[in-house]
Full PDB file with SEQRES, HELIX, SHEET, SSBOND, CRYST1, ORIGX, SCALE, CONECT and MASTER records, all heavy atoms in Angstrom:
SEQRES   1 A   33  LYS ASN PHE ILE LYS THR ALA PHE ARG ASN LEU TRP LYS          
SEQRES   2 A   33  THR LYS GLY TYR SER PHE LEU ASN ILE PHE GLY LEU ALA          
SEQRES   3 A   33  ILE GLY ILE ALA ALA ALA SER                                  
HELIX    1 AA1 ASN A    2  LYS A   13  1                                  12    
HELIX    2 AA2 LYS A   15  ALA A   32  1                                  18    
CRYST1    1.000    1.000    1.000  90.00  90.00  90.00 P 1           1          
ORIGX1      1.000000  0.000000  0.000000        0.00000                         
ORIGX2      0.000000  1.000000  0.000000        0.00000                         
ORIGX3      0.000000  0.000000  1.000000        0.00000                         
SCALE1      1.000000  0.000000  0.000000        0.00000                         
SCALE2      0.000000  1.000000  0.000000        0.00000                         
SCALE3      0.000000  0.000000  1.000000        0.00000                         
ATOM      1  N   LYS A   1     116.665 105.609  78.736  1.00  0.00           N  
ATOM      2  CA  LYS A   1     117.708 104.607  79.005  1.00  0.00           C  
ATOM      3  C   LYS A   1     118.568 105.030  80.192  1.00  0.00           C  
ATOM      4  O   LYS A   1     118.916 104.212  81.046  1.00  0.00           O  
ATOM      5  CB  LYS A   1     118.588 104.394  77.772  1.00  0.00           C  
ATOM      6  CG  LYS A   1     117.951 103.576  76.692  1.00  0.00           C  
ATOM      7  CD  LYS A   1     118.921 103.407  75.516  1.00  0.00           C  
ATOM      8  CE  LYS A   1     118.262 102.731  74.354  1.00  0.00           C  
ATOM      9  NZ  LYS A   1     119.153 102.622  73.198  1.00  0.00           N  
ATOM     10  N   ASN A   2     118.914 106.310  80.250  1.00  0.00           N  
ATOM     11  CA  ASN A   2     119.719 106.806  81.374  1.00  0.00           C  
ATOM     12  C   ASN A   2     118.966 106.711  82.693  1.00  0.00           C  
ATOM     13  O   ASN A   2     119.544 106.389  83.723  1.00  0.00           O  
ATOM     14  CB  ASN A   2     120.166 108.243  81.109  1.00  0.00           C  
ATOM     15  CG  ASN A   2     121.303 108.316  80.114  1.00  0.00           C  
ATOM     16  OD1 ASN A   2     122.050 107.361  79.947  1.00  0.00           O  
ATOM     17  ND2 ASN A   2     121.412 109.448  79.434  1.00  0.00           N  
ATOM     18  N   PHE A   3     117.663 107.018  82.675  1.00  0.00           N  
ATOM     19  CA  PHE A   3     116.857 106.885  83.899  1.00  0.00           C  
ATOM     20  C   PHE A   3     116.829 105.434  84.379  1.00  0.00           C  
ATOM     21  O   PHE A   3     116.948 105.150  85.565  1.00  0.00           O  
ATOM     22  CB  PHE A   3     115.423 107.360  83.658  1.00  0.00           C  
ATOM     23  CG  PHE A   3     115.261 108.849  83.637  1.00  0.00           C  
ATOM     24  CD1 PHE A   3     114.259 109.423  82.883  1.00  0.00           C  
ATOM     25  CD2 PHE A   3     116.086 109.688  84.379  1.00  0.00           C  
ATOM     26  CE1 PHE A   3     114.084 110.796  82.852  1.00  0.00           C  
ATOM     27  CE2 PHE A   3     115.927 111.059  84.360  1.00  0.00           C  
ATOM     28  CZ  PHE A   3     114.916 111.611  83.590  1.00  0.00           C  
ATOM     29  N   ILE A   4     116.673 104.508  83.446  1.00  0.00           N  
ATOM     30  CA  ILE A   4     116.628 103.081  83.809  1.00  0.00           C  
ATOM     31  C   ILE A   4     117.976 102.632  84.363  1.00  0.00           C  
ATOM     32  O   ILE A   4     118.038 101.927  85.369  1.00  0.00           O  
ATOM     33  CB  ILE A   4     116.181 102.230  82.594  1.00  0.00           C  
ATOM     34  CG1 ILE A   4     114.711 102.530  82.278  1.00  0.00           C  
ATOM     35  CG2 ILE A   4     116.378 100.749  82.868  1.00  0.00           C  
ATOM     36  CD1 ILE A   4     114.203 101.912  81.006  1.00  0.00           C  
ATOM     37  N   LYS A   5     119.071 103.048  83.716  1.00  0.00           N  
ATOM     38  CA  LYS A   5     120.407 102.705  84.216  1.00  0.00           C  
ATOM     39  C   LYS A   5     120.614 103.230  85.627  1.00  0.00           C  
ATOM     40  O   LYS A   5     121.105 102.524  86.516  1.00  0.00           O  
ATOM     41  CB  LYS A   5     121.493 103.314  83.313  1.00  0.00           C  
ATOM     42  CG  LYS A   5     121.889 102.516  82.138  1.00  0.00           C  
ATOM     43  CD  LYS A   5     123.076 103.230  81.485  1.00  0.00           C  
ATOM     44  CE  LYS A   5     123.357 102.736  80.103  1.00  0.00           C  
ATOM     45  NZ  LYS A   5     124.461 103.462  79.481  1.00  0.00           N  
ATOM     46  N   THR A   6     120.244 104.490  85.844  1.00  0.00           N  
ATOM     47  CA  THR A   6     120.405 105.105  87.167  1.00  0.00           C  
ATOM     48  C   THR A   6     119.570 104.369  88.206  1.00  0.00           C  
ATOM     49  O   THR A   6     120.027 104.116  89.325  1.00  0.00           O  
ATOM     50  CB  THR A   6     119.994 106.586  87.112  1.00  0.00           C  
ATOM     51  OG1 THR A   6     120.751 107.230  86.098  1.00  0.00           O  
ATOM     52  CG2 THR A   6     120.242 107.268  88.433  1.00  0.00           C  
ATOM     53  N   ALA A   7     118.347 104.007  87.845  1.00  0.00           N  
ATOM     54  CA  ALA A   7     117.476 103.288  88.784  1.00  0.00           C  
ATOM     55  C   ALA A   7     118.094 101.954  89.164  1.00  0.00           C  
ATOM     56  O   ALA A   7     118.129 101.580  90.351  1.00  0.00           O  
ATOM     57  CB  ALA A   7     116.098 103.094  88.157  1.00  0.00           C  
ATOM     58  N   PHE A   8     118.587 101.198  88.187  1.00  0.00           N  
ATOM     59  CA  PHE A   8     119.197  99.902  88.498  1.00  0.00           C  
ATOM     60  C   PHE A   8     120.486 100.054  89.306  1.00  0.00           C  
ATOM     61  O   PHE A   8     120.771  99.247  90.182  1.00  0.00           O  
ATOM     62  CB  PHE A   8     119.452  99.092  87.220  1.00  0.00           C  
ATOM     63  CG  PHE A   8     118.242  98.338  86.768  1.00  0.00           C  
ATOM     64  CD1 PHE A   8     117.621  98.650  85.576  1.00  0.00           C  
ATOM     65  CD2 PHE A   8     117.706  97.316  87.538  1.00  0.00           C  
ATOM     66  CE1 PHE A   8     116.504  97.967  85.155  1.00  0.00           C  
ATOM     67  CE2 PHE A   8     116.587  96.626  87.130  1.00  0.00           C  
ATOM     68  CZ  PHE A   8     115.975  96.946  85.934  1.00  0.00           C  
ATOM     69  N   ARG A   9     121.258 101.079  89.028  1.00  0.00           N  
ATOM     70  CA  ARG A   9     122.478 101.312  89.821  1.00  0.00           C  
ATOM     71  C   ARG A   9     122.115 101.583  91.283  1.00  0.00           C  
ATOM     72  O   ARG A   9     122.760 101.068  92.199  1.00  0.00           O  
ATOM     73  CB  ARG A   9     123.266 102.496  89.258  1.00  0.00           C  
ATOM     74  CG  ARG A   9     124.040 102.166  88.028  1.00  0.00           C  
ATOM     75  CD  ARG A   9     124.812 103.366  87.537  1.00  0.00           C  
ATOM     76  NE  ARG A   9     125.399 103.095  86.231  1.00  0.00           N  
ATOM     77  CZ  ARG A   9     125.636 104.016  85.326  1.00  0.00           C  
ATOM     78  NH1 ARG A   9     125.366 105.288  85.569  1.00  0.00           N  
ATOM     79  NH2 ARG A   9     126.166 103.682  84.165  1.00  0.00           N  
ATOM     80  N   ASN A  10     121.102 102.410  91.489  1.00  0.00           N  
ATOM     81  CA  ASN A  10     120.677 102.711  92.862  1.00  0.00           C  
ATOM     82  C   ASN A  10     120.096 101.477  93.552  1.00  0.00           C  
ATOM     83  O   ASN A  10     120.321 101.263  94.750  1.00  0.00           O  
ATOM     84  CB  ASN A  10     119.660 103.854  92.875  1.00  0.00           C  
ATOM     85  CG  ASN A  10     120.320 105.188  92.599  1.00  0.00           C  
ATOM     86  OD1 ASN A  10     121.496 105.368  92.866  1.00  0.00           O  
ATOM     87  ND2 ASN A  10     119.554 106.112  92.042  1.00  0.00           N  
ATOM     88  N   LEU A  11     119.341 100.680  92.809  1.00  0.00           N  
ATOM     89  CA  LEU A  11     118.796  99.444  93.389  1.00  0.00           C  
ATOM     90  C   LEU A  11     119.933  98.492  93.774  1.00  0.00           C  
ATOM     91  O   LEU A  11     119.889  97.849  94.823  1.00  0.00           O  
ATOM     92  CB  LEU A  11     117.852  98.753  92.398  1.00  0.00           C  
ATOM     93  CG  LEU A  11     116.489  99.397  92.184  1.00  0.00           C  
ATOM     94  CD1 LEU A  11     115.741  98.695  91.067  1.00  0.00           C  
ATOM     95  CD2 LEU A  11     115.675  99.365  93.458  1.00  0.00           C  
ATOM     96  N   TRP A  12     120.926  98.396  92.931  1.00  0.00           N  
ATOM     97  CA  TRP A  12     122.044  97.482  93.179  1.00  0.00           C  
ATOM     98  C   TRP A  12     122.923  97.971  94.328  1.00  0.00           C  
ATOM     99  O   TRP A  12     123.448  97.180  95.103  1.00  0.00           O  
ATOM    100  CB  TRP A  12     122.874  97.328  91.902  1.00  0.00           C  
ATOM    101  CG  TRP A  12     123.760  96.126  91.943  1.00  0.00           C  
ATOM    102  CD1 TRP A  12     125.108  96.126  92.068  1.00  0.00           C  
ATOM    103  CD2 TRP A  12     123.363  94.761  91.882  1.00  0.00           C  
ATOM    104  NE1 TRP A  12     125.585  94.851  92.086  1.00  0.00           N  
ATOM    105  CE2 TRP A  12     124.531  93.986  91.976  1.00  0.00           C  
ATOM    106  CE3 TRP A  12     122.152  94.116  91.759  1.00  0.00           C  
ATOM    107  CZ2 TRP A  12     124.504  92.597  91.954  1.00  0.00           C  
ATOM    108  CZ3 TRP A  12     122.131  92.737  91.739  1.00  0.00           C  
ATOM    109  CH2 TRP A  12     123.294  92.004  91.829  1.00  0.00           C  
ATOM    110  N   LYS A  13     123.053  99.286  94.443  1.00  0.00           N  
ATOM    111  CA  LYS A  13     123.899  99.866  95.478  1.00  0.00           C  
ATOM    112  C   LYS A  13     123.293  99.656  96.871  1.00  0.00           C  
ATOM    113  O   LYS A  13     124.010  99.423  97.841  1.00  0.00           O  
ATOM    114  CB  LYS A  13     124.077 101.375  95.221  1.00  0.00           C  
ATOM    115  CG  LYS A  13     125.196 101.996  96.041  1.00  0.00           C  
ATOM    116  CD  LYS A  13     125.266 103.508  95.909  1.00  0.00           C  
ATOM    117  CE  LYS A  13     125.172 104.007  94.493  1.00  0.00           C  
ATOM    118  NZ  LYS A  13     125.253 105.471  94.406  1.00  0.00           N  
ATOM    119  N   THR A  14     121.982  99.748  96.972  1.00  0.00           N  
ATOM    120  CA  THR A  14     121.292  99.592  98.264  1.00  0.00           C  
ATOM    121  C   THR A  14     120.373  98.370  98.183  1.00  0.00           C  
ATOM    122  O   THR A  14     119.143  98.487  98.175  1.00  0.00           O  
ATOM    123  CB  THR A  14     120.480 100.856  98.586  1.00  0.00           C  
ATOM    124  OG1 THR A  14     119.576 101.100  97.511  1.00  0.00           O  
ATOM    125  CG2 THR A  14     121.378 102.062  98.775  1.00  0.00           C  
ATOM    126  N   LYS A  15     120.989  97.192  98.126  1.00  0.00           N  
ATOM    127  CA  LYS A  15     120.236  95.946  97.903  1.00  0.00           C  
ATOM    128  C   LYS A  15     119.206  95.667  99.000  1.00  0.00           C  
ATOM    129  O   LYS A  15     118.060  95.339  98.719  1.00  0.00           O  
ATOM    130  CB  LYS A  15     121.188  94.760  97.802  1.00  0.00           C  
ATOM    131  CG  LYS A  15     122.044  94.770  96.588  1.00  0.00           C  
ATOM    132  CD  LYS A  15     123.004  93.601  96.614  1.00  0.00           C  
ATOM    133  CE  LYS A  15     124.025  93.766  95.530  1.00  0.00           C  
ATOM    134  NZ  LYS A  15     125.117  92.831  95.632  1.00  0.00           N  
ATOM    135  N   GLY A  16     119.636  95.779 100.250  1.00  0.00           N  
ATOM    136  CA  GLY A  16     118.729  95.466 101.356  1.00  0.00           C  
ATOM    137  C   GLY A  16     117.547  96.411 101.404  1.00  0.00           C  
ATOM    138  O   GLY A  16     116.389  95.986 101.544  1.00  0.00           O  
ATOM    139  N   TYR A  17     117.809  97.677 101.317  1.00  0.00           N  
ATOM    140  CA  TYR A  17     116.752  98.685 101.341  1.00  0.00           C  
ATOM    141  C   TYR A  17     115.826  98.513 100.133  1.00  0.00           C  
ATOM    142  O   TYR A  17     114.599  98.599 100.257  1.00  0.00           O  
ATOM    143  CB  TYR A  17     117.392 100.073 101.360  1.00  0.00           C  
ATOM    144  CG  TYR A  17     116.423 101.193 101.525  1.00  0.00           C  
ATOM    145  CD1 TYR A  17     115.763 101.396 102.735  1.00  0.00           C  
ATOM    146  CD2 TYR A  17     116.161 102.063 100.478  1.00  0.00           C  
ATOM    147  CE1 TYR A  17     114.864 102.439 102.898  1.00  0.00           C  
ATOM    148  CE2 TYR A  17     115.270 103.104 100.626  1.00  0.00           C  
ATOM    149  CZ  TYR A  17     114.620 103.288 101.838  1.00  0.00           C  
ATOM    150  OH  TYR A  17     113.733 104.314 101.984  1.00  0.00           O  
ATOM    151  N   SER A  18     116.404  98.231  98.980  1.00  0.00           N  
ATOM    152  CA  SER A  18     115.610  98.031  97.768  1.00  0.00           C  
ATOM    153  C   SER A  18     114.723  96.807  97.903  1.00  0.00           C  
ATOM    154  O   SER A  18     113.548  96.834  97.525  1.00  0.00           O  
ATOM    155  CB  SER A  18     116.516  97.868  96.550  1.00  0.00           C  
ATOM    156  OG  SER A  18     117.287  99.013  96.357  1.00  0.00           O  
ATOM    157  N   PHE A  19     115.281  95.720  98.464  1.00  0.00           N  
ATOM    158  CA  PHE A  19     114.493  94.505  98.660  1.00  0.00           C  
ATOM    159  C   PHE A  19     113.308  94.779  99.573  1.00  0.00           C  
ATOM    160  O   PHE A  19     112.185  94.356  99.291  1.00  0.00           O  
ATOM    161  CB  PHE A  19     115.366  93.384  99.247  1.00  0.00           C  
ATOM    162  CG  PHE A  19     114.572  92.184  99.660  1.00  0.00           C  
ATOM    163  CD1 PHE A  19     114.102  91.298  98.706  1.00  0.00           C  
ATOM    164  CD2 PHE A  19     114.282  91.953 100.994  1.00  0.00           C  
ATOM    165  CE1 PHE A  19     113.355  90.193  99.083  1.00  0.00           C  
ATOM    166  CE2 PHE A  19     113.543  90.854 101.379  1.00  0.00           C  
ATOM    167  CZ  PHE A  19     113.074  89.973 100.424  1.00  0.00           C  
ATOM    168  N   LEU A  20     113.553  95.485 100.676  1.00  0.00           N  
ATOM    169  CA  LEU A  20     112.457  95.793 101.605  1.00  0.00           C  
ATOM    170  C   LEU A  20     111.371  96.624 100.928  1.00  0.00           C  
ATOM    171  O   LEU A  20     110.178  96.373 101.113  1.00  0.00           O  
ATOM    172  CB  LEU A  20     112.994  96.534 102.828  1.00  0.00           C  
ATOM    173  CG  LEU A  20     113.731  95.691 103.855  1.00  0.00           C  
ATOM    174  CD1 LEU A  20     114.289  96.577 104.955  1.00  0.00           C  
ATOM    175  CD2 LEU A  20     112.807  94.653 104.441  1.00  0.00           C  
ATOM    176  N   ASN A  21     111.772  97.608 100.155  1.00  0.00           N  
ATOM    177  CA  ASN A  21     110.790  98.450  99.466  1.00  0.00           C  
ATOM    178  C   ASN A  21     109.974  97.662  98.451  1.00  0.00           C  
ATOM    179  O   ASN A  21     108.750  97.766  98.404  1.00  0.00           O  
ATOM    180  CB  ASN A  21     111.479  99.630  98.775  1.00  0.00           C  
ATOM    181  CG  ASN A  21     111.759 100.751  99.733  1.00  0.00           C  
ATOM    182  OD1 ASN A  21     111.060 100.924 100.714  1.00  0.00           O  
ATOM    183  ND2 ASN A  21     112.781 101.517  99.427  1.00  0.00           N  
ATOM    184  N   ILE A  22     110.652  96.873  97.634  1.00  0.00           N  
ATOM    185  CA  ILE A  22     109.957  96.103  96.599  1.00  0.00           C  
ATOM    186  C   ILE A  22     109.085  95.020  97.231  1.00  0.00           C  
ATOM    187  O   ILE A  22     107.936  94.807  96.818  1.00  0.00           O  
ATOM    188  CB  ILE A  22     110.961  95.514  95.595  1.00  0.00           C  
ATOM    189  CG1 ILE A  22     111.622  96.660  94.821  1.00  0.00           C  
ATOM    190  CG2 ILE A  22     110.296  94.545  94.642  1.00  0.00           C  
ATOM    191  CD1 ILE A  22     112.808  96.246  93.988  1.00  0.00           C  
ATOM    192  N   PHE A  23     109.607  94.340  98.250  1.00  0.00           N  
ATOM    193  CA  PHE A  23     108.837  93.298  98.936  1.00  0.00           C  
ATOM    194  C   PHE A  23     107.612  93.898  99.627  1.00  0.00           C  
ATOM    195  O   PHE A  23     106.506  93.352  99.545  1.00  0.00           O  
ATOM    196  CB  PHE A  23     109.730  92.578  99.956  1.00  0.00           C  
ATOM    197  CG  PHE A  23     109.081  91.420 100.621  1.00  0.00           C  
ATOM    198  CD1 PHE A  23     108.801  90.258  99.924  1.00  0.00           C  
ATOM    199  CD2 PHE A  23     108.733  91.497 101.956  1.00  0.00           C  
ATOM    200  CE1 PHE A  23     108.196  89.182 100.548  1.00  0.00           C  
ATOM    201  CE2 PHE A  23     108.129  90.435 102.597  1.00  0.00           C  
ATOM    202  CZ  PHE A  23     107.862  89.278 101.892  1.00  0.00           C  
ATOM    203  N   GLY A  24     107.776  95.034 100.271  1.00  0.00           N  
ATOM    204  CA  GLY A  24     106.650  95.702 100.927  1.00  0.00           C  
ATOM    205  C   GLY A  24     105.595  96.148  99.929  1.00  0.00           C  
ATOM    206  O   GLY A  24     104.394  96.015 100.183  1.00  0.00           O  
ATOM    207  N   LEU A  25     106.035  96.651  98.799  1.00  0.00           N  
ATOM    208  CA  LEU A  25     105.096  97.050  97.752  1.00  0.00           C  
ATOM    209  C   LEU A  25     104.322  95.843  97.226  1.00  0.00           C  
ATOM    210  O   LEU A  25     103.105  95.913  97.035  1.00  0.00           O  
ATOM    211  CB  LEU A  25     105.852  97.739  96.614  1.00  0.00           C  
ATOM    212  CG  LEU A  25     105.004  98.225  95.442  1.00  0.00           C  
ATOM    213  CD1 LEU A  25     104.047  99.313  95.890  1.00  0.00           C  
ATOM    214  CD2 LEU A  25     105.907  98.730  94.331  1.00  0.00           C  
ATOM    215  N   ALA A  26     105.024  94.734  97.015  1.00  0.00           N  
ATOM    216  CA  ALA A  26     104.365  93.518  96.524  1.00  0.00           C  
ATOM    217  C   ALA A  26     103.337  93.007  97.535  1.00  0.00           C  
ATOM    218  O   ALA A  26     102.220  92.629  97.162  1.00  0.00           O  
ATOM    219  CB  ALA A  26     105.410  92.445  96.226  1.00  0.00           C  
ATOM    220  N   ILE A  27     103.693  93.007  98.817  1.00  0.00           N  
ATOM    221  CA  ILE A  27     102.758  92.556  99.859  1.00  0.00           C  
ATOM    222  C   ILE A  27     101.550  93.494  99.916  1.00  0.00           C  
ATOM    223  O   ILE A  27     100.405  93.045 100.038  1.00  0.00           O  
ATOM    224  CB  ILE A  27     103.459  92.494 101.234  1.00  0.00           C  
ATOM    225  CG1 ILE A  27     104.539  91.410 101.227  1.00  0.00           C  
ATOM    226  CG2 ILE A  27     102.479  92.262 102.360  1.00  0.00           C  
ATOM    227  CD1 ILE A  27     104.011  90.009 101.095  1.00  0.00           C  
ATOM    228  N   GLY A  28     101.776  94.784  99.821  1.00  0.00           N  
ATOM    229  CA  GLY A  28     100.683  95.754  99.852  1.00  0.00           C  
ATOM    230  C   GLY A  28      99.732  95.591  98.682  1.00  0.00           C  
ATOM    231  O   GLY A  28      98.508  95.626  98.850  1.00  0.00           O  
ATOM    232  N   ILE A  29     100.286  95.400  97.498  1.00  0.00           N  
ATOM    233  CA  ILE A  29      99.436  95.203  96.311  1.00  0.00           C  
ATOM    234  C   ILE A  29      98.658  93.906  96.433  1.00  0.00           C  
ATOM    235  O   ILE A  29      97.458  93.849  96.104  1.00  0.00           O  
ATOM    236  CB  ILE A  29     100.294  95.232  95.027  1.00  0.00           C  
ATOM    237  CG1 ILE A  29     100.800  96.649  94.772  1.00  0.00           C  
ATOM    238  CG2 ILE A  29      99.504  94.726  93.827  1.00  0.00           C  
ATOM    239  CD1 ILE A  29     101.798  96.755  93.645  1.00  0.00           C  
ATOM    240  N   ALA A  30      99.303  92.831  96.913  1.00  0.00           N  
ATOM    241  CA  ALA A  30      98.613  91.550  97.077  1.00  0.00           C  
ATOM    242  C   ALA A  30      97.484  91.662  98.103  1.00  0.00           C  
ATOM    243  O   ALA A  30      96.370  91.171  97.885  1.00  0.00           O  
ATOM    244  CB  ALA A  30      99.605  90.469  97.488  1.00  0.00           C  
ATOM    245  N   ALA A  31      97.747  92.324  99.225  1.00  0.00           N  
ATOM    246  CA  ALA A  31      96.722  92.481 100.263  1.00  0.00           C  
ATOM    247  C   ALA A  31      95.556  93.320  99.744  1.00  0.00           C  
ATOM    248  O   ALA A  31      94.387  92.975  99.964  1.00  0.00           O  
ATOM    249  CB  ALA A  31      97.322  93.121 101.509  1.00  0.00           C  
ATOM    250  N   ALA A  32      95.842  94.409  99.058  1.00  0.00           N  
ATOM    251  CA  ALA A  32      94.779  95.250  98.511  1.00  0.00           C  
ATOM    252  C   ALA A  32      93.950  94.485  97.483  1.00  0.00           C  
ATOM    253  O   ALA A  32      92.717  94.615  97.446  1.00  0.00           O  
ATOM    254  CB  ALA A  32      95.370  96.507  97.884  1.00  0.00           C  
ATOM    255  N   SER A  33      94.608  93.656  96.675  1.00  0.00           N  
ATOM    256  CA  SER A  33      93.886  92.852  95.683  1.00  0.00           C  
ATOM    257  C   SER A  33      92.963  91.851  96.360  1.00  0.00           C  
ATOM    258  O   SER A  33      91.812  91.667  95.948  1.00  0.00           O  
ATOM    259  CB  SER A  33      94.866  92.114  94.774  1.00  0.00           C  
ATOM    260  OG  SER A  33      95.660  93.025  94.069  1.00  0.00           O  
TER     261      SER A  33                                                      
MASTER        0    0    0    2    0    0    0    6  260    1    0    3          
END                                                                             
């Protein structure tokens, strides 16, 4: 639970960077598929 809380806090703190990382990962997985 603490790991999940920390992860969400970090994602929320760096919204733009987090969006780029998650969006890039999604595009990479879609392209590989």
